[in-house]
Amino acid sequence: MLIEPDNRGHRIEVHAEPIDDRWDATVRIRRILSGDKLTARL
Protein backbone atom coordinates (compact mmCIF):
# COMPACT_ATOMS: atom_id res chain seq x y z
CA MET A 1 0.00 0.00 0.00
CA LEU A 2 1.21 3.47 -0.88
CA ILE A 3 -0.20 6.56 0.86
CA GLU A 4 0.50 10.16 -0.15
CA PRO A 5 -0.87 12.07 2.87
CA ASP A 6 -1.10 15.53 1.29
CA ASN A 7 -0.95 16.18 -2.44
CA ARG A 8 -2.48 19.57 -3.24
CA GLY A 9 -5.18 19.14 -0.62
CA HIS A 10 -5.90 15.48 -1.39
CA ARG A 11 -4.96 12.19 0.27
CA ILE A 12 -4.14 9.43 -2.20
CA GLU A 13 -4.14 5.75 -1.19
CA VAL A 14 -3.08 3.01 -3.63
CA HIS A 15 -3.22 -0.72 -2.94
CA ALA A 16 -1.87 -2.85 -5.79
CA GLU A 17 -0.97 -6.50 -6.10
CA PRO A 18 0.09 -8.67 -9.02
CA ILE A 19 -2.49 -11.22 -10.19
CA ASP A 20 -1.90 -13.45 -13.22
CA ASP A 21 0.87 -11.27 -14.73
CA ARG A 22 -1.26 -8.11 -14.29
CA TRP A 23 -1.78 -5.54 -11.56
CA ASP A 24 -4.99 -5.38 -9.55
CA ALA A 25 -5.18 -1.92 -7.99
CA THR A 26 -7.59 0.01 -5.80
CA VAL A 27 -7.11 3.78 -5.67
CA ARG A 28 -8.80 6.16 -3.24
CA ILE A 29 -8.53 9.93 -3.56
CA ARG A 30 -10.00 12.03 -0.78
CA ARG A 31 -10.13 15.78 -0.39
CA ILE A 32 -8.57 17.10 2.82
CA LEU A 33 -10.51 19.93 4.43
CA SER A 34 -8.47 22.49 6.30
CA GLY A 35 -9.61 23.70 9.72
CA ASP A 36 -10.59 27.10 8.25
CA LYS A 37 -12.90 25.57 5.64
CA LEU A 38 -14.44 23.20 8.18
CA THR A 39 -15.17 26.06 10.60
CA ALA A 40 -16.65 28.17 7.80
CA ARG A 41 -19.11 25.41 6.91
CA LEU A 42 -20.53 25.20 10.44
C-alpha atoms as a PDB file:
ATOM      1  CA  MET A   1       0.000   0.000   0.000  1.00  0.00           C
ATOM      2  CA  LEU A   2       1.205   3.475  -0.876  1.00  0.00           C
ATOM      3  CA  ILE A   3      -0.198   6.564   0.858  1.00  0.00           C
ATOM      4  CA  GLU A   4       0.497  10.155  -0.150  1.00  0.00           C
ATOM      5  CA  PRO A   5      -0.875  12.073   2.867  1.00  0.00           C
ATOM      6  CA  ASP A   6      -1.103  15.532   1.293  1.00  0.00           C
ATOM      7  CA  ASN A   7      -0.946  16.178  -2.439  1.00  0.00           C
ATOM      8  CA  ARG A   8      -2.478  19.574  -3.243  1.00  0.00           C
ATOM      9  CA  GLY A   9      -5.181  19.145  -0.624  1.00  0.00           C
ATOM     10  CA  HIS A  10      -5.902  15.476  -1.387  1.00  0.00           C
ATOM     11  CA  ARG A  11      -4.955  12.195   0.273  1.00  0.00           C
ATOM     12  CA  ILE A  12      -4.140   9.432  -2.204  1.00  0.00           C
ATOM     13  CA  GLU A  13      -4.139   5.750  -1.194  1.00  0.00           C
ATOM     14  CA  VAL A  14      -3.077   3.012  -3.627  1.00  0.00           C
ATOM     15  CA  HIS A  15      -3.218  -0.719  -2.939  1.00  0.00           C
ATOM     16  CA  ALA A  16      -1.875  -2.846  -5.787  1.00  0.00           C
ATOM     17  CA  GLU A  17      -0.967  -6.502  -6.097  1.00  0.00           C
ATOM     18  CA  PRO A  18       0.087  -8.673  -9.021  1.00  0.00           C
ATOM     19  CA  ILE A  19      -2.494 -11.224 -10.187  1.00  0.00           C
ATOM     20  CA  ASP A  20      -1.897 -13.450 -13.219  1.00  0.00           C
ATOM     21  CA  ASP A  21       0.865 -11.269 -14.727  1.00  0.00           C
ATOM     22  CA  ARG A  22      -1.257  -8.107 -14.289  1.00  0.00           C
ATOM     23  CA  TRP A  23      -1.777  -5.544 -11.558  1.00  0.00           C
ATOM     24  CA  ASP A  24      -4.990  -5.375  -9.552  1.00  0.00           C
ATOM     25  CA  ALA A  25      -5.184  -1.920  -7.987  1.00  0.00           C
ATOM     26  CA  THR A  26      -7.586   0.010  -5.796  1.00  0.00           C
ATOM     27  CA  VAL A  27      -7.107   3.780  -5.669  1.00  0.00           C
ATOM     28  CA  ARG A  28      -8.804   6.161  -3.236  1.00  0.00           C
ATOM     29  CA  ILE A  29      -8.531   9.929  -3.560  1.00  0.00           C
ATOM     30  CA  ARG A  30     -10.002  12.029  -0.777  1.00  0.00           C
ATOM     31  CA  ARG A  31     -10.126  15.776  -0.387  1.00  0.00           C
ATOM     32  CA  ILE A  32      -8.575  17.105   2.821  1.00  0.00           C
ATOM     33  CA  LEU A  33     -10.506  19.928   4.433  1.00  0.00           C
ATOM     34  CA  SER A  34      -8.469  22.488   6.302  1.00  0.00           C
ATOM     35  CA  GLY A  35      -9.607  23.701   9.722  1.00  0.00           C
ATOM     36  CA  ASP A  36     -10.594  27.096   8.251  1.00  0.00           C
ATOM     37  CA  LYS A  37     -12.902  25.570   5.642  1.00  0.00           C
ATOM     38  CA  LEU A  38     -14.443  23.200   8.176  1.00  0.00           C
ATOM     39  CA  THR A  39     -15.169  26.064  10.595  1.00  0.00           C
ATOM     40  CA  ALA A  40     -16.646  28.173   7.796  1.00  0.00           C
ATOM     41  CA  ARG A  41     -19.110  25.408   6.913  1.00  0.00           C
ATOM     42  CA  LEU A  42     -20.533  25.195  10.444  1.00  0.00           C
END
